[in-house]
Amino acid sequence: MNGPRQQSQGARRLILVRHCEAVGQAPESPLSPEGFRQAERLKDFLADHPVDFLVTSEFLRARQSAAPIASANSLGIHIDPQLNERKLASEPIVNWRELLRRSFSEPELCGPRGESASEALARASASLNEILAAGHRLPVVVSHGNLISLVLHSIDRSFGYEGWAGLSNPDVYLLEKSPSGGLGFRRMWY
């Protein structure tokens, strides 16, 4: 499955944010005290950017990471379940890191009753393409590490497991369309 594609109309750029530090992995796990401080730093980091649309996954940690940005820009937070983190398996598995590593080269691989990398990328790409086509000046998307890594991997195959392992909480990437129509990205966070 291909990642986000060129659109004839709409935004040329999109900021993709990994959520701030949370106290757990469950959908309703909140940010840690450090995560709330990171969310304020994230707001300050994006202050000079013309953010005009904000969308997050359904997970509490993503919504809480976006809240200061929304407040500073007088924006609502749009929720899109297509941006939820990939579900590797229906129950915790011991070898989850190995499964994650292999899924970059074996995109149909998944744990028991889990979601494959291909399935997760398809839903993320649908959401990102819709956001890019909507005509926003600079949309910000707050999501999760594995999902973001799959999107970045679809743009540049060299971004794989090691790229995922190198992500920080938070992390910020600018996705940008080139004049030739391709999509590239660069890390913005320090």
Protein backbone atom coordinates (compact mmCIF):
# COMPACT_ATOMS: atom_id res chain seq x y z
CA MET A 1 0.00 0.00 0.00
CA ASN A 2 1.26 3.44 -0.88
CA GLY A 3 1.38 6.24 1.61
CA PRO A 4 -0.04 9.71 1.27
CA ARG A 5 -0.18 10.78 -2.37
CA GLN A 6 -0.02 13.99 -4.35
CA GLN A 7 -3.24 15.98 -4.45
CA SER A 8 -4.01 18.56 -7.14
CA GLN A 9 -5.59 20.98 -4.62
CA GLY A 10 -5.15 21.56 -0.92
CA ALA A 11 -2.25 21.90 1.45
CA ARG A 12 1.31 21.40 0.30
CA ARG A 13 2.48 20.81 3.87
CA LEU A 14 1.32 18.94 6.92
CA ILE A 15 2.89 18.69 10.37
CA LEU A 16 2.85 15.18 11.80
CA VAL A 17 3.32 14.99 15.59
CA ARG A 18 3.95 12.02 17.82
CA HIS A 19 2.18 12.51 21.14
CA CYS A 20 3.96 13.58 24.31
CA GLU A 21 5.04 11.19 27.08
CA ALA A 22 2.17 9.17 28.56
CA VAL A 23 1.81 6.98 31.64
CA GLY A 24 0.78 3.90 29.62
CA GLN A 25 -0.26 2.47 26.26
CA ALA A 26 -4.01 2.01 26.79
CA PRO A 27 -6.27 4.32 24.75
CA GLU A 28 -7.24 6.30 27.88
CA SER A 29 -3.72 6.55 29.33
CA PRO A 30 -3.11 10.23 30.12
CA LEU A 31 0.04 12.23 29.69
CA SER A 32 2.59 12.02 32.48
CA PRO A 33 3.52 15.22 34.35
CA GLU A 34 6.51 15.48 32.00
CA GLY A 35 4.16 14.89 29.05
CA PHE A 36 2.07 17.91 30.06
CA ARG A 37 5.26 20.02 30.18
CA GLN A 38 6.22 18.66 26.76
CA ALA A 39 2.80 19.63 25.39
CA GLU A 40 3.42 23.22 26.47
CA ARG A 41 6.88 23.16 24.79
CA LEU A 42 5.25 21.72 21.67
CA LYS A 43 2.75 24.60 21.63
CA ASP A 44 5.63 27.09 21.93
CA PHE A 45 7.60 25.28 19.23
CA LEU A 46 4.71 25.61 16.77
CA ALA A 47 3.82 29.20 17.76
CA ASP A 48 5.40 30.76 14.65
CA HIS A 49 3.70 28.34 12.25
CA PRO A 50 0.33 29.20 10.64
CA VAL A 51 -1.53 26.21 12.11
CA ASP A 52 -5.18 26.35 11.00
CA PHE A 53 -6.45 22.79 11.53
CA LEU A 54 -5.78 20.26 14.27
CA VAL A 55 -6.70 16.58 14.22
CA THR A 56 -5.75 13.73 16.56
CA SER A 57 -6.38 10.09 17.14
CA GLU A 58 -9.07 9.11 19.63
CA PHE A 59 -6.45 8.27 22.27
CA LEU A 60 -6.35 10.55 25.32
CA ARG A 61 -2.58 11.10 25.12
CA ALA A 62 -2.90 12.48 21.57
CA ARG A 63 -5.79 14.77 22.51
CA GLN A 64 -3.95 16.05 25.58
CA SER A 65 -0.80 16.66 23.52
CA ALA A 66 -2.85 18.78 21.10
CA ALA A 67 -4.83 20.75 23.69
CA PRO A 68 -2.30 23.59 24.25
CA ILE A 69 -1.87 24.01 20.46
CA ALA A 70 -5.64 24.21 20.05
CA SER A 71 -5.95 26.77 22.81
CA ALA A 72 -3.12 28.95 21.51
CA ASN A 73 -4.57 28.97 17.97
CA SER A 74 -8.27 29.14 18.94
CA LEU A 75 -8.89 25.85 17.16
CA GLY A 76 -11.09 22.89 17.90
CA ILE A 77 -9.57 19.42 18.02
CA HIS A 78 -10.93 17.12 15.34
CA ILE A 79 -10.85 13.42 16.22
CA ASP A 80 -10.13 10.78 13.59
CA PRO A 81 -10.02 7.09 14.60
CA GLN A 82 -8.03 6.38 11.43
CA LEU A 83 -5.11 8.02 13.26
CA ASN A 84 -5.26 5.63 16.23
CA GLU A 85 -2.15 3.61 17.00
CA ARG A 86 -1.71 0.30 15.23
CA LYS A 87 -2.96 -2.68 17.21
CA LEU A 88 -0.18 -5.29 16.95
CA ALA A 89 -2.26 -8.02 18.62
CA SER A 90 -5.44 -8.36 20.65
CA GLU A 91 -3.48 -9.21 23.81
CA PRO A 92 0.03 -8.30 25.01
CA ILE A 93 2.75 -10.36 23.31
CA VAL A 94 6.27 -11.00 24.55
CA ASN A 95 7.98 -10.55 21.18
CA TRP A 96 6.19 -7.33 20.17
CA ARG A 97 9.44 -5.55 19.24
CA GLU A 98 10.42 -8.35 16.87
CA LEU A 99 6.95 -8.29 15.33
CA LEU A 100 7.23 -4.53 14.89
CA ARG A 101 10.72 -4.84 13.36
CA ARG A 102 9.62 -7.48 10.86
CA SER A 103 6.47 -5.60 9.88
CA PHE A 104 8.52 -2.95 8.04
CA SER A 105 9.72 -5.62 5.59
CA GLU A 106 6.69 -7.93 5.93
CA PRO A 107 3.76 -5.50 5.79
CA GLU A 108 1.06 -8.20 6.04
CA LEU A 109 2.49 -9.55 9.31
CA CYS A 110 0.46 -9.09 12.48
CA GLY A 111 -0.03 -10.73 15.85
CA PRO A 112 -3.12 -12.71 16.82
CA ARG A 113 -6.21 -10.66 15.92
CA GLY A 114 -3.96 -7.66 15.32
CA GLU A 115 -3.62 -5.20 12.49
CA SER A 116 -0.98 -5.54 9.79
CA ALA A 117 1.29 -2.66 8.81
CA SER A 118 -0.51 -2.56 5.44
CA GLU A 119 -3.91 -2.19 7.10
CA ALA A 120 -2.68 0.52 9.48
CA LEU A 121 -0.95 2.43 6.68
CA ALA A 122 -4.06 2.27 4.49
CA ARG A 123 -6.24 3.94 7.10
CA ALA A 124 -3.57 6.51 8.05
CA SER A 125 -2.96 7.37 4.40
CA ALA A 126 -6.70 7.80 3.78
CA SER A 127 -6.89 10.29 6.64
CA LEU A 128 -3.74 12.20 5.65
CA ASN A 129 -4.80 12.42 2.00
CA GLU A 130 -8.18 13.78 3.06
CA ILE A 131 -6.53 16.37 5.32
CA LEU A 132 -4.09 17.42 2.57
CA ALA A 133 -6.94 17.76 0.06
CA ALA A 134 -9.14 19.86 2.36
CA GLY A 135 -7.44 23.18 1.64
CA HIS A 136 -5.99 23.95 5.07
CA ARG A 137 -3.02 26.27 5.20
CA LEU A 138 -1.01 24.17 7.67
CA PRO A 139 -2.76 21.23 9.32
CA VAL A 140 -1.27 19.52 12.37
CA VAL A 141 -1.91 15.81 12.94
CA VAL A 142 -1.17 14.25 16.36
CA SER A 143 -0.83 10.47 16.31
CA HIS A 144 1.39 7.62 17.49
CA GLY A 145 4.86 6.21 16.95
CA ASN A 146 4.18 3.03 15.01
CA LEU A 147 1.58 4.63 12.77
CA ILE A 148 3.79 7.66 12.05
CA SER A 149 6.75 5.37 11.33
CA LEU A 150 4.70 3.43 8.80
CA VAL A 151 3.73 6.67 7.04
CA LEU A 152 7.35 7.86 6.96
CA HIS A 153 8.48 4.41 5.77
CA SER A 154 5.97 4.61 2.89
CA ILE A 155 7.65 7.85 1.76
CA ASP A 156 11.25 6.74 2.39
CA ARG A 157 11.92 3.01 2.75
CA SER A 158 15.08 3.71 4.76
CA PHE A 159 12.91 4.91 7.64
CA GLY A 160 12.08 1.62 9.34
CA TYR A 161 12.43 0.00 12.73
CA GLU A 162 15.48 2.07 13.65
CA GLY A 163 13.58 5.22 12.71
CA TRP A 164 10.72 4.13 14.94
CA ALA A 165 13.15 3.36 17.79
CA GLY A 166 14.68 6.83 17.39
CA LEU A 167 11.41 8.72 17.73
CA SER A 168 11.07 10.95 20.78
CA ASN A 169 8.02 11.98 22.77
CA PRO A 170 6.96 14.30 21.31
CA ASP A 171 8.40 14.28 17.83
CA VAL A 172 7.55 16.53 14.91
CA TYR A 173 7.86 15.91 11.16
CA LEU A 174 6.99 18.18 8.27
CA LEU A 175 5.49 16.34 5.29
CA GLU A 176 5.79 18.44 2.16
CA LYS A 177 4.88 18.04 -1.49
CA SER A 178 7.67 18.82 -3.92
CA PRO A 179 7.07 20.79 -7.15
CA SER A 180 7.43 17.49 -9.03
CA GLY A 181 4.53 16.02 -7.08
CA GLY A 182 6.39 13.71 -4.73
CA LEU A 183 6.03 13.72 -0.98
CA GLY A 184 9.01 14.15 1.32
CA PHE A 185 9.54 14.73 5.00
CA ARG A 186 11.99 16.22 7.43
CA ARG A 187 12.24 16.14 11.18
CA MET A 188 11.52 19.51 12.81
CA TRP A 189 11.78 18.66 16.52
CA TYR A 190 15.03 19.30 18.40
